[in-house]
Amino acid sequence: MSYTAKDYSKLIGMQGFTETLLKNHFTLYQGYVTNTNKVMDALTQMLKEGKTATPEFAELKRRLGWEFNGMRLHEYYFENLGGKGDFPKGGKLEKKLSEDFGNYETWEKDFKATGSMRGIGWCVLYQDMTNGKLINFWINEHDVSHPAGCNPLMIMDVFEHAFMIDYGLKRADYIEAFFKNIDWKTVESRLK
C-alpha cells in the first residue's frame, strides 16, 4: 500500500501565508510522501530477498521514521490550518484546556512560548492517552522526542521552511499568523 500526497491547495490565500511559502511547503511535504513510499518499497523488497541482517536494511528502518513522521506531521499541520482562528468557547477542548492549564489563555501562552524556543522542530499539543492530560511538547526532529502513548491534537511546524520566506527570523510573527488560521474544529475533533 502506497501513500498519496494530499492536496492542501485550499490553504492558498490564508491570511499571513503567501502562495510562494505554501507551495514550497507543499512540495517539501510531497517529498516526504514520495520518500516514505520509496523506503517502504525497498524494505519490502529486502525482506523478500532475505536481506534483513544487512546494514542497509537497518539504515532504511531508521530512515523510515524520519520520512513517515515528516509526512504525517505535515498532514496534521496543514489539516489544523485553514480556519478563522476563533477559539470555540464552551466546547470540550476549552473544558480540557481549563482543567489542565487553568484556562485557554494560560495554555496559549505556554504553546507560544514552546513554539518560540530556539531551534528547529515542531510544537505539538499532545493528549496523554493514559490519563487524558494535555501537554505542549517541543519536538526537535520528526523521528525523535515524540511522547509514547500520546495523541497529537495540534501541530505547529517551526522549522525555518514554515516561515522564513514570509517572516525571515521573526518567528513570533509567524506564530501569530498561525493562530489566526487555526481550524479549531479539526483540533477539537482529535481530542479523545
N, C-alpha and C. Protein backbone atom coordinates (compact mmCIF):
# COMPACT_ATOMS: atom_id res chain seq x y z
N MET A 1 0.85 -1.18 0.00
CA MET A 1 0.00 0.00 0.00
C MET A 1 0.89 1.24 0.00
N SER A 2 0.69 2.06 -0.97
CA SER A 2 1.46 3.31 -1.06
C SER A 2 0.66 4.47 -0.51
N TYR A 3 1.39 5.46 -0.05
CA TYR A 3 0.76 6.70 0.43
C TYR A 3 0.68 7.69 -0.72
N THR A 4 -0.35 8.50 -0.70
CA THR A 4 -0.57 9.52 -1.72
C THR A 4 -0.57 10.88 -1.04
N ALA A 5 0.15 11.83 -1.63
CA ALA A 5 0.16 13.19 -1.08
C ALA A 5 -1.23 13.79 -1.18
N LYS A 6 -1.65 14.41 -0.10
CA LYS A 6 -2.96 15.06 -0.07
C LYS A 6 -2.84 16.46 -0.65
N ASP A 7 -3.95 16.96 -1.16
CA ASP A 7 -3.99 18.29 -1.78
C ASP A 7 -4.43 19.31 -0.73
N TYR A 8 -3.54 20.22 -0.40
CA TYR A 8 -3.86 21.27 0.57
C TYR A 8 -3.92 22.64 -0.08
N SER A 9 -4.16 22.67 -1.38
CA SER A 9 -4.19 23.95 -2.10
C SER A 9 -5.31 24.87 -1.60
N LYS A 10 -6.30 24.34 -0.89
CA LYS A 10 -7.36 25.18 -0.33
C LYS A 10 -6.80 26.19 0.67
N LEU A 11 -5.59 25.94 1.17
CA LEU A 11 -4.98 26.85 2.14
C LEU A 11 -4.39 28.10 1.47
N ILE A 12 -4.21 28.05 0.15
CA ILE A 12 -3.67 29.22 -0.55
C ILE A 12 -4.67 30.36 -0.39
N GLY A 13 -4.14 31.52 0.02
CA GLY A 13 -4.99 32.68 0.29
C GLY A 13 -5.20 32.91 1.77
N MET A 14 -4.67 32.00 2.61
CA MET A 14 -4.75 32.18 4.05
C MET A 14 -4.05 33.47 4.45
N GLN A 15 -4.65 34.19 5.36
CA GLN A 15 -4.05 35.43 5.87
C GLN A 15 -2.70 35.13 6.51
N GLY A 16 -1.67 35.87 6.10
CA GLY A 16 -0.36 35.74 6.72
C GLY A 16 0.54 34.68 6.12
N PHE A 17 0.08 33.98 5.08
CA PHE A 17 0.88 32.95 4.42
C PHE A 17 0.84 33.21 2.91
N THR A 18 1.98 33.52 2.32
CA THR A 18 1.98 33.78 0.88
C THR A 18 1.84 32.47 0.10
N GLU A 19 1.43 32.62 -1.13
CA GLU A 19 1.31 31.46 -2.02
C GLU A 19 2.67 30.79 -2.21
N THR A 20 3.72 31.58 -2.34
CA THR A 20 5.07 31.03 -2.50
C THR A 20 5.46 30.17 -1.32
N LEU A 21 5.25 30.68 -0.11
CA LEU A 21 5.57 29.91 1.09
C LEU A 21 4.80 28.60 1.11
N LEU A 22 3.50 28.67 0.89
CA LEU A 22 2.68 27.46 0.96
C LEU A 22 3.05 26.45 -0.11
N LYS A 23 3.27 26.91 -1.34
CA LYS A 23 3.62 25.97 -2.41
C LYS A 23 4.97 25.30 -2.14
N ASN A 24 5.93 26.05 -1.62
CA ASN A 24 7.20 25.44 -1.24
C ASN A 24 7.00 24.39 -0.14
N HIS A 25 6.15 24.71 0.82
CA HIS A 25 5.89 23.80 1.93
C HIS A 25 5.18 22.54 1.43
N PHE A 26 4.23 22.71 0.51
CA PHE A 26 3.53 21.55 -0.06
C PHE A 26 4.51 20.65 -0.80
N THR A 27 5.46 21.24 -1.53
CA THR A 27 6.46 20.46 -2.27
C THR A 27 7.33 19.67 -1.31
N LEU A 28 7.74 20.30 -0.23
CA LEU A 28 8.53 19.61 0.79
C LEU A 28 7.75 18.42 1.35
N TYR A 29 6.49 18.64 1.68
CA TYR A 29 5.62 17.57 2.18
C TYR A 29 5.52 16.43 1.16
N GLN A 30 5.31 16.77 -0.10
CA GLN A 30 5.20 15.75 -1.14
C GLN A 30 6.46 14.90 -1.22
N GLY A 31 7.61 15.52 -0.95
CA GLY A 31 8.87 14.76 -0.91
C GLY A 31 8.87 13.72 0.20
N TYR A 32 8.30 14.07 1.35
CA TYR A 32 8.21 13.09 2.44
C TYR A 32 7.32 11.92 2.05
N VAL A 33 6.23 12.19 1.36
CA VAL A 33 5.34 11.12 0.92
C VAL A 33 6.08 10.21 -0.06
N THR A 34 6.72 10.81 -1.04
CA THR A 34 7.49 10.05 -2.04
C THR A 34 8.56 9.19 -1.37
N ASN A 35 9.31 9.79 -0.45
CA ASN A 35 10.40 9.05 0.20
C ASN A 35 9.88 7.99 1.16
N THR A 36 8.75 8.22 1.80
CA THR A 36 8.14 7.17 2.63
C THR A 36 7.85 5.95 1.77
N ASN A 37 7.25 6.17 0.61
CA ASN A 37 6.94 5.06 -0.29
C ASN A 37 8.19 4.36 -0.78
N LYS A 38 9.22 5.13 -1.14
CA LYS A 38 10.47 4.52 -1.62
C LYS A 38 11.12 3.66 -0.54
N VAL A 39 11.18 4.17 0.68
CA VAL A 39 11.81 3.43 1.77
C VAL A 39 11.00 2.17 2.07
N MET A 40 9.67 2.29 2.12
CA MET A 40 8.85 1.11 2.41
C MET A 40 8.97 0.06 1.31
N ASP A 41 9.02 0.50 0.05
CA ASP A 41 9.19 -0.45 -1.07
C ASP A 41 10.54 -1.17 -0.97
N ALA A 42 11.58 -0.41 -0.67
CA ALA A 42 12.92 -1.01 -0.55
C ALA A 42 12.97 -2.01 0.60
N LEU A 43 12.35 -1.66 1.72
CA LEU A 43 12.34 -2.58 2.87
C LEU A 43 11.55 -3.84 2.56
N THR A 44 10.45 -3.71 1.86
CA THR A 44 9.65 -4.87 1.46
C THR A 44 10.46 -5.80 0.56
N GLN A 45 11.17 -5.21 -0.38
CA GLN A 45 11.99 -6.00 -1.30
C GLN A 45 13.12 -6.71 -0.55
N MET A 46 13.77 -5.99 0.37
CA MET A 46 14.86 -6.60 1.15
C MET A 46 14.35 -7.74 2.02
N LEU A 47 13.15 -7.59 2.55
CA LEU A 47 12.55 -8.65 3.36
C LEU A 47 12.30 -9.90 2.50
N LYS A 48 11.76 -9.69 1.29
CA LYS A 48 11.51 -10.81 0.38
C LYS A 48 12.80 -11.52 0.00
N GLU A 49 13.88 -10.75 -0.13
CA GLU A 49 15.16 -11.30 -0.55
C GLU A 49 15.99 -11.82 0.63
N GLY A 50 15.46 -11.73 1.83
CA GLY A 50 16.19 -12.22 3.00
C GLY A 50 17.38 -11.35 3.39
N LYS A 51 17.32 -10.08 3.08
CA LYS A 51 18.44 -9.17 3.36
C LYS A 51 18.19 -8.33 4.62
N THR A 52 17.54 -8.91 5.60
CA THR A 52 17.21 -8.15 6.81
C THR A 52 18.36 -8.01 7.79
N ALA A 53 19.41 -8.78 7.62
CA ALA A 53 20.55 -8.70 8.54
C ALA A 53 21.66 -7.81 7.97
N THR A 54 21.30 -6.93 7.06
CA THR A 54 22.30 -6.06 6.43
C THR A 54 22.28 -4.66 7.04
N PRO A 55 23.41 -3.98 6.96
CA PRO A 55 23.43 -2.58 7.42
C PRO A 55 22.47 -1.71 6.62
N GLU A 56 22.28 -2.02 5.35
CA GLU A 56 21.38 -1.24 4.50
C GLU A 56 19.93 -1.33 5.00
N PHE A 57 19.53 -2.54 5.39
CA PHE A 57 18.18 -2.74 5.93
C PHE A 57 18.02 -1.93 7.22
N ALA A 58 19.01 -2.02 8.10
CA ALA A 58 18.95 -1.30 9.38
C ALA A 58 18.85 0.21 9.16
N GLU A 59 19.64 0.73 8.24
CA GLU A 59 19.61 2.17 8.00
C GLU A 59 18.29 2.62 7.39
N LEU A 60 17.73 1.80 6.51
CA LEU A 60 16.43 2.15 5.94
C LEU A 60 15.33 2.10 7.00
N LYS A 61 15.42 1.13 7.91
CA LYS A 61 14.45 1.07 9.01
C LYS A 61 14.54 2.34 9.85
N ARG A 62 15.75 2.82 10.11
CA ARG A 62 15.92 4.06 10.87
C ARG A 62 15.39 5.25 10.07
N ARG A 63 15.63 5.26 8.79
CA ARG A 63 15.22 6.38 7.93
C ARG A 63 13.69 6.46 7.81
N LEU A 64 13.03 5.31 7.92
CA LEU A 64 11.57 5.28 7.76
C LEU A 64 10.88 6.22 8.76
N GLY A 65 11.35 6.25 10.00
CA GLY A 65 10.74 7.13 11.00
C GLY A 65 10.81 8.60 10.60
N TRP A 66 11.95 9.01 10.03
CA TRP A 66 12.11 10.40 9.58
C TRP A 66 11.13 10.72 8.45
N GLU A 67 11.11 9.89 7.43
CA GLU A 67 10.25 10.16 6.27
C GLU A 67 8.77 10.06 6.62
N PHE A 68 8.40 9.00 7.33
CA PHE A 68 6.98 8.79 7.67
C PHE A 68 6.47 9.92 8.56
N ASN A 69 7.22 10.25 9.63
CA ASN A 69 6.76 11.32 10.52
C ASN A 69 6.79 12.67 9.82
N GLY A 70 7.75 12.88 8.91
CA GLY A 70 7.75 14.11 8.12
C GLY A 70 6.47 14.23 7.30
N MET A 71 6.03 13.12 6.75
CA MET A 71 4.77 13.10 6.00
C MET A 71 3.58 13.35 6.93
N ARG A 72 3.48 12.55 7.98
CA ARG A 72 2.30 12.60 8.83
C ARG A 72 2.19 13.91 9.62
N LEU A 73 3.30 14.42 10.15
CA LEU A 73 3.25 15.69 10.89
C LEU A 73 2.82 16.84 9.99
N HIS A 74 3.28 16.84 8.74
CA HIS A 74 2.84 17.88 7.82
C HIS A 74 1.34 17.75 7.53
N GLU A 75 0.84 16.53 7.44
CA GLU A 75 -0.60 16.36 7.22
C GLU A 75 -1.39 16.92 8.39
N TYR A 76 -0.99 16.58 9.62
CA TYR A 76 -1.66 17.14 10.79
C TYR A 76 -1.58 18.68 10.79
N TYR A 77 -0.41 19.19 10.47
CA TYR A 77 -0.18 20.64 10.45
C TYR A 77 -1.11 21.32 9.45
N PHE A 78 -1.08 20.87 8.19
CA PHE A 78 -1.93 21.51 7.17
C PHE A 78 -3.41 21.35 7.51
N GLU A 79 -3.79 20.21 8.08
CA GLU A 79 -5.19 19.97 8.39
C GLU A 79 -5.69 20.79 9.57
N ASN A 80 -4.79 21.24 10.46
CA ASN A 80 -5.28 22.10 11.53
C ASN A 80 -5.14 23.59 11.18
N LEU A 81 -4.92 23.86 9.89
CA LEU A 81 -4.94 25.23 9.38
C LEU A 81 -6.15 25.42 8.46
N GLY A 82 -6.41 26.66 8.11
CA GLY A 82 -7.50 26.97 7.20
C GLY A 82 -8.75 27.46 7.88
N GLY A 83 -8.69 27.60 9.20
CA GLY A 83 -9.83 28.14 9.93
C GLY A 83 -9.68 29.65 10.11
N LYS A 84 -10.53 30.21 10.91
CA LYS A 84 -10.50 31.65 11.16
C LYS A 84 -9.80 32.00 12.47
N GLY A 85 -9.33 30.98 13.18
CA GLY A 85 -8.56 31.22 14.39
C GLY A 85 -9.39 31.56 15.62
N ASP A 86 -10.70 31.63 15.48
CA ASP A 86 -11.56 31.96 16.62
C ASP A 86 -11.74 30.73 17.50
N PHE A 87 -11.18 30.80 18.70
CA PHE A 87 -11.27 29.66 19.60
C PHE A 87 -12.71 29.47 20.05
N PRO A 88 -13.24 28.23 19.94
CA PRO A 88 -14.64 27.97 20.32
C PRO A 88 -14.80 27.90 21.84
N LYS A 89 -15.50 28.84 22.38
CA LYS A 89 -15.76 28.86 23.83
C LYS A 89 -16.84 27.85 24.18
N GLY A 90 -16.67 27.21 25.33
CA GLY A 90 -17.69 26.32 25.85
C GLY A 90 -17.64 24.89 25.35
N GLY A 91 -16.68 24.57 24.49
CA GLY A 91 -16.59 23.21 23.96
C GLY A 91 -15.76 22.30 24.84
N LYS A 92 -15.64 21.05 24.40
CA LYS A 92 -14.89 20.07 25.18
C LYS A 92 -13.40 20.41 25.21
N LEU A 93 -12.88 21.05 24.16
CA LEU A 93 -11.47 21.42 24.16
C LEU A 93 -11.20 22.52 25.19
N GLU A 94 -12.05 23.52 25.25
CA GLU A 94 -11.86 24.58 26.25
C GLU A 94 -11.94 23.99 27.67
N LYS A 95 -12.87 23.10 27.87
CA LYS A 95 -13.01 22.47 29.19
C LYS A 95 -11.73 21.73 29.57
N LYS A 96 -11.18 20.97 28.62
CA LYS A 96 -9.98 20.18 28.90
C LYS A 96 -8.76 21.09 29.10
N LEU A 97 -8.62 22.13 28.28
CA LEU A 97 -7.52 23.07 28.46
C LEU A 97 -7.62 23.77 29.82
N SER A 98 -8.82 24.09 30.23
CA SER A 98 -9.02 24.73 31.54
C SER A 98 -8.66 23.79 32.68
N GLU A 99 -9.01 22.53 32.53
CA GLU A 99 -8.64 21.53 33.56
C GLU A 99 -7.13 21.42 33.71
N ASP A 100 -6.43 21.39 32.58
CA ASP A 100 -5.00 21.09 32.59
C ASP A 100 -4.09 22.32 32.66
N PHE A 101 -4.59 23.48 32.27
CA PHE A 101 -3.76 24.70 32.26
C PHE A 101 -4.36 25.83 33.09
N GLY A 102 -5.56 25.67 33.57
CA GLY A 102 -6.24 26.74 34.31
C GLY A 102 -7.22 27.50 33.44
N ASN A 103 -6.81 27.79 32.20
CA ASN A 103 -7.69 28.45 31.22
C ASN A 103 -7.01 28.43 29.85
N TYR A 104 -7.77 28.82 28.83
CA TYR A 104 -7.25 28.84 27.46
C TYR A 104 -6.04 29.77 27.36
N GLU A 105 -6.11 30.94 27.93
CA GLU A 105 -5.05 31.94 27.81
C GLU A 105 -3.71 31.41 28.34
N THR A 106 -3.75 30.69 29.44
CA THR A 106 -2.52 30.13 30.00
C THR A 106 -1.96 29.06 29.08
N TRP A 107 -2.85 28.22 28.52
CA TRP A 107 -2.40 27.22 27.56
C TRP A 107 -1.75 27.91 26.36
N GLU A 108 -2.41 28.92 25.79
CA GLU A 108 -1.89 29.62 24.62
C GLU A 108 -0.51 30.22 24.90
N LYS A 109 -0.36 30.82 26.07
CA LYS A 109 0.93 31.40 26.45
C LYS A 109 2.01 30.32 26.46
N ASP A 110 1.68 29.17 27.03
CA ASP A 110 2.63 28.06 27.09
C ASP A 110 2.95 27.52 25.70
N PHE A 111 1.93 27.37 24.85
CA PHE A 111 2.14 26.85 23.50
C PHE A 111 3.02 27.79 22.69
N LYS A 112 2.71 29.08 22.75
CA LYS A 112 3.50 30.06 22.00
C LYS A 112 4.93 30.13 22.52
N ALA A 113 5.11 30.03 23.84
CA ALA A 113 6.46 30.05 24.41
C ALA A 113 7.23 28.81 23.95
N THR A 114 6.56 27.68 23.89
CA THR A 114 7.20 26.45 23.43
C THR A 114 7.60 26.60 21.97
N GLY A 115 6.71 27.10 21.14
CA GLY A 115 7.00 27.29 19.73
C GLY A 115 8.04 28.35 19.45
N SER A 116 8.26 29.25 20.39
CA SER A 116 9.23 30.33 20.22
C SER A 116 10.64 29.96 20.66
N MET A 117 10.79 28.79 21.24
CA MET A 117 12.11 28.38 21.72
C MET A 117 13.10 28.33 20.56
N ARG A 118 14.37 28.57 20.85
CA ARG A 118 15.40 28.50 19.82
C ARG A 118 15.52 27.06 19.33
N GLY A 119 15.76 26.93 18.05
CA GLY A 119 15.93 25.61 17.46
C GLY A 119 14.92 25.36 16.37
N ILE A 120 15.05 24.22 15.76
CA ILE A 120 14.13 23.82 14.69
C ILE A 120 13.30 22.64 15.18
N GLY A 121 12.13 22.51 14.64
CA GLY A 121 11.31 21.38 15.02
C GLY A 121 9.83 21.64 14.92
N TRP A 122 9.12 21.13 15.91
CA TRP A 122 7.67 21.16 15.94
C TRP A 122 7.21 21.53 17.34
N CYS A 123 6.10 22.21 17.42
CA CYS A 123 5.43 22.44 18.69
C CYS A 123 4.11 21.67 18.59
N VAL A 124 3.87 20.77 19.55
CA VAL A 124 2.72 19.89 19.45
C VAL A 124 1.95 19.87 20.76
N LEU A 125 0.65 20.08 20.65
CA LEU A 125 -0.25 19.85 21.78
C LEU A 125 -0.63 18.38 21.73
N TYR A 126 -0.19 17.65 22.73
CA TYR A 126 -0.47 16.22 22.83
C TYR A 126 -1.46 15.95 23.95
N GLN A 127 -2.21 14.88 23.78
CA GLN A 127 -3.06 14.35 24.84
C GLN A 127 -2.46 13.02 25.28
N ASP A 128 -2.11 12.92 26.56
CA ASP A 128 -1.61 11.68 27.13
C ASP A 128 -2.79 10.72 27.23
N MET A 129 -2.73 9.62 26.51
CA MET A 129 -3.87 8.71 26.46
C MET A 129 -4.03 7.88 27.72
N THR A 130 -3.05 7.87 28.63
CA THR A 130 -3.22 7.12 29.87
C THR A 130 -4.08 7.86 30.87
N ASN A 131 -4.04 9.19 30.86
CA ASN A 131 -4.84 9.95 31.82
C ASN A 131 -5.60 11.13 31.20
N GLY A 132 -5.45 11.33 29.89
CA GLY A 132 -6.18 12.39 29.20
C GLY A 132 -5.54 13.76 29.29
N LYS A 133 -4.48 13.92 30.05
CA LYS A 133 -3.85 15.23 30.26
C LYS A 133 -3.32 15.80 28.96
N LEU A 134 -3.50 17.12 28.79
CA LEU A 134 -2.97 17.83 27.63
C LEU A 134 -1.63 18.45 28.01
N ILE A 135 -0.64 18.27 27.12
CA ILE A 135 0.72 18.76 27.36
C ILE A 135 1.28 19.32 26.06
N ASN A 136 1.92 20.50 26.13
CA ASN A 136 2.62 21.05 24.97
C ASN A 136 4.04 20.52 24.97
N PHE A 137 4.46 19.98 23.83
CA PHE A 137 5.80 19.40 23.69
C PHE A 137 6.57 20.10 22.59
N TRP A 138 7.87 20.20 22.79
CA TRP A 138 8.81 20.60 21.74
C TRP A 138 9.38 19.31 21.16
N ILE A 139 9.34 19.19 19.84
CA ILE A 139 9.87 18.03 19.15
C ILE A 139 10.98 18.53 18.23
N ASN A 140 12.21 18.08 18.46
CA ASN A 140 13.34 18.53 17.64
C ASN A 140 13.27 18.01 16.22
N GLU A 141 13.21 16.74 16.06
CA GLU A 141 13.26 16.09 14.75
C GLU A 141 12.01 15.25 14.58
N HIS A 142 11.67 14.98 13.33
CA HIS A 142 10.45 14.21 13.05
C HIS A 142 10.42 12.88 13.79
N ASP A 143 11.57 12.23 13.88
CA ASP A 143 11.61 10.85 14.33
C ASP A 143 12.06 10.66 15.78
N VAL A 144 12.21 11.74 16.53
CA VAL A 144 12.61 11.61 17.94
C VAL A 144 11.79 12.56 18.81
N SER A 145 11.73 12.24 20.09
CA SER A 145 11.12 13.09 21.12
C SER A 145 9.61 13.02 21.21
N HIS A 146 8.96 12.24 20.37
CA HIS A 146 7.51 12.14 20.49
C HIS A 146 7.16 11.34 21.73
N PRO A 147 6.26 11.85 22.56
CA PRO A 147 5.91 11.14 23.79
C PRO A 147 5.10 9.87 23.49
N ALA A 148 5.59 8.76 23.99
CA ALA A 148 4.93 7.48 23.76
C ALA A 148 3.52 7.48 24.33
N GLY A 149 2.58 6.95 23.58
CA GLY A 149 1.21 6.81 24.05
C GLY A 149 0.41 8.09 24.03
N CYS A 150 0.87 9.08 23.29
CA CYS A 150 0.15 10.36 23.25
C CYS A 150 -0.45 10.60 21.87
N ASN A 151 -1.54 11.33 21.85
CA ASN A 151 -2.29 11.64 20.65
C ASN A 151 -2.05 13.11 20.28
N PRO A 152 -1.56 13.39 19.06
CA PRO A 152 -1.35 14.79 18.67
C PRO A 152 -2.67 15.48 18.35
N LEU A 153 -2.89 16.62 18.98
CA LEU A 153 -4.12 17.39 18.75
C LEU A 153 -3.88 18.57 17.81
N MET A 154 -2.78 19.30 18.04
CA MET A 154 -2.47 20.45 17.20
C MET A 154 -0.97 20.47 16.95
N ILE A 155 -0.61 20.68 15.69
CA ILE A 155 0.79 20.67 15.27
C ILE A 155 1.12 22.05 14.70
N MET A 156 2.25 22.60 15.15
CA MET A 156 2.76 23.83 14.55
C MET A 156 4.20 23.55 14.10
N ASP A 157 4.43 23.68 12.82
CA ASP A 157 5.75 23.49 12.25
C ASP A 157 6.59 24.73 12.56
N VAL A 158 7.74 24.54 13.21
CA VAL A 158 8.63 25.66 13.48
C VAL A 158 10.02 25.43 12.89
N PHE A 159 10.09 24.56 11.87
CA PHE A 159 11.28 24.52 11.04
C PHE A 159 11.27 25.80 10.20
N GLU A 160 12.44 26.28 9.81
CA GLU A 160 12.51 27.55 9.08
C GLU A 160 11.69 27.57 7.79
N HIS A 161 11.57 26.43 7.12
CA HIS A 161 10.83 26.41 5.86
C HIS A 161 9.37 26.82 6.05
N ALA A 162 8.86 26.71 7.26
CA ALA A 162 7.45 27.04 7.52
C ALA A 162 7.20 28.54 7.58
N PHE A 163 8.27 29.35 7.75
CA PHE A 163 8.01 30.79 7.93
C PHE A 163 9.03 31.74 7.33
N MET A 164 10.25 31.32 7.05
CA MET A 164 11.29 32.28 6.69
C MET A 164 11.04 33.03 5.39
N ILE A 165 10.40 32.41 4.41
CA ILE A 165 10.11 33.12 3.16
C ILE A 165 9.27 34.36 3.45
N ASP A 166 8.30 34.23 4.35
CA ASP A 166 7.40 35.35 4.67
C ASP A 166 7.89 36.20 5.83
N TYR A 167 8.54 35.61 6.81
CA TYR A 167 8.82 36.31 8.06
C TYR A 167 10.29 36.45 8.41
N GLY A 168 11.18 35.91 7.59
CA GLY A 168 12.60 35.96 7.93
C GLY A 168 12.82 35.30 9.28
N LEU A 169 13.47 36.00 10.18
CA LEU A 169 13.75 35.46 11.51
C LEU A 169 12.66 35.79 12.53
N LYS A 170 11.58 36.41 12.11
CA LYS A 170 10.52 36.84 13.03
C LYS A 170 9.53 35.69 13.28
N ARG A 171 9.98 34.71 14.02
CA ARG A 171 9.15 33.54 14.31
C ARG A 171 7.88 33.92 15.06
N ALA A 172 7.97 34.88 15.96
CA ALA A 172 6.78 35.30 16.73
C ALA A 172 5.68 35.81 15.80
N ASP A 173 6.04 36.51 14.73
CA ASP A 173 5.03 37.00 13.78
C ASP A 173 4.38 35.83 13.04
N TYR A 174 5.19 34.82 12.69
CA TYR A 174 4.65 33.60 12.07
C TYR A 174 3.67 32.92 13.03
N ILE A 175 4.03 32.81 14.30
CA ILE A 175 3.17 32.15 15.27
C ILE A 175 1.84 32.89 15.39
N GLU A 176 1.88 34.22 15.36
CA GLU A 176 0.63 34.99 15.38
C GLU A 176 -0.22 34.69 14.16
N ALA A 177 0.41 34.61 12.98
CA ALA A 177 -0.33 34.28 11.75
C ALA A 177 -0.90 32.86 11.85
N PHE A 178 -0.12 31.94 12.39
CA PHE A 178 -0.59 30.57 12.57
C PHE A 178 -1.87 30.57 13.41
N PHE A 179 -1.85 31.29 14.53
CA PHE A 179 -3.01 31.31 15.42
C PHE A 179 -4.24 31.93 14.77
N LYS A 180 -4.05 32.83 13.84
CA LYS A 180 -5.18 33.45 13.13
C LYS A 180 -5.82 32.49 12.14
N ASN A 181 -5.17 31.38 11.87
CA ASN A 181 -5.66 30.45 10.85
C ASN A 181 -5.93 29.04 11.38
N ILE A 182 -5.94 28.88 12.69
CA ILE A 182 -6.19 27.54 13.25
C ILE A 182 -7.63 27.11 12.96
N ASP A 183 -7.76 25.88 12.54
CA ASP A 183 -9.07 25.26 12.37
C ASP A 183 -9.36 24.50 13.67
N TRP A 184 -9.98 25.20 14.62
CA TRP A 184 -10.20 24.63 15.95
C TRP A 184 -11.14 23.43 15.92
N LYS A 185 -12.02 23.39 14.93
CA LYS A 185 -12.92 22.25 14.81
C LYS A 185 -12.12 20.96 14.58
N THR A 186 -11.11 21.05 13.72
CA THR A 186 -10.25 19.90 13.46
C THR A 186 -9.46 19.53 14.71
N VAL A 187 -8.91 20.53 15.39
CA VAL A 187 -8.13 20.27 16.62
C VAL A 187 -9.01 19.57 17.64
N GLU A 188 -10.21 20.11 17.87
CA GLU A 188 -11.11 19.53 18.86
C GLU A 188 -11.54 18.12 18.47
N SER A 189 -11.67 17.86 17.17
CA SER A 189 -12.10 16.51 16.73
C SER A 189 -11.05 15.45 17.05
N ARG A 190 -9.80 15.85 17.26
CA ARG A 190 -8.74 14.91 17.58
C ARG A 190 -8.70 14.54 19.06
N LEU A 191 -9.44 15.29 19.88
CA LEU A 191 -9.47 15.04 21.32
C LEU A 191 -10.22 13.73 21.58
N LYS A 192 -9.61 12.88 22.38
CA LYS A 192 -10.24 11.57 22.69
C LYS A 192 -10.87 11.63 24.07
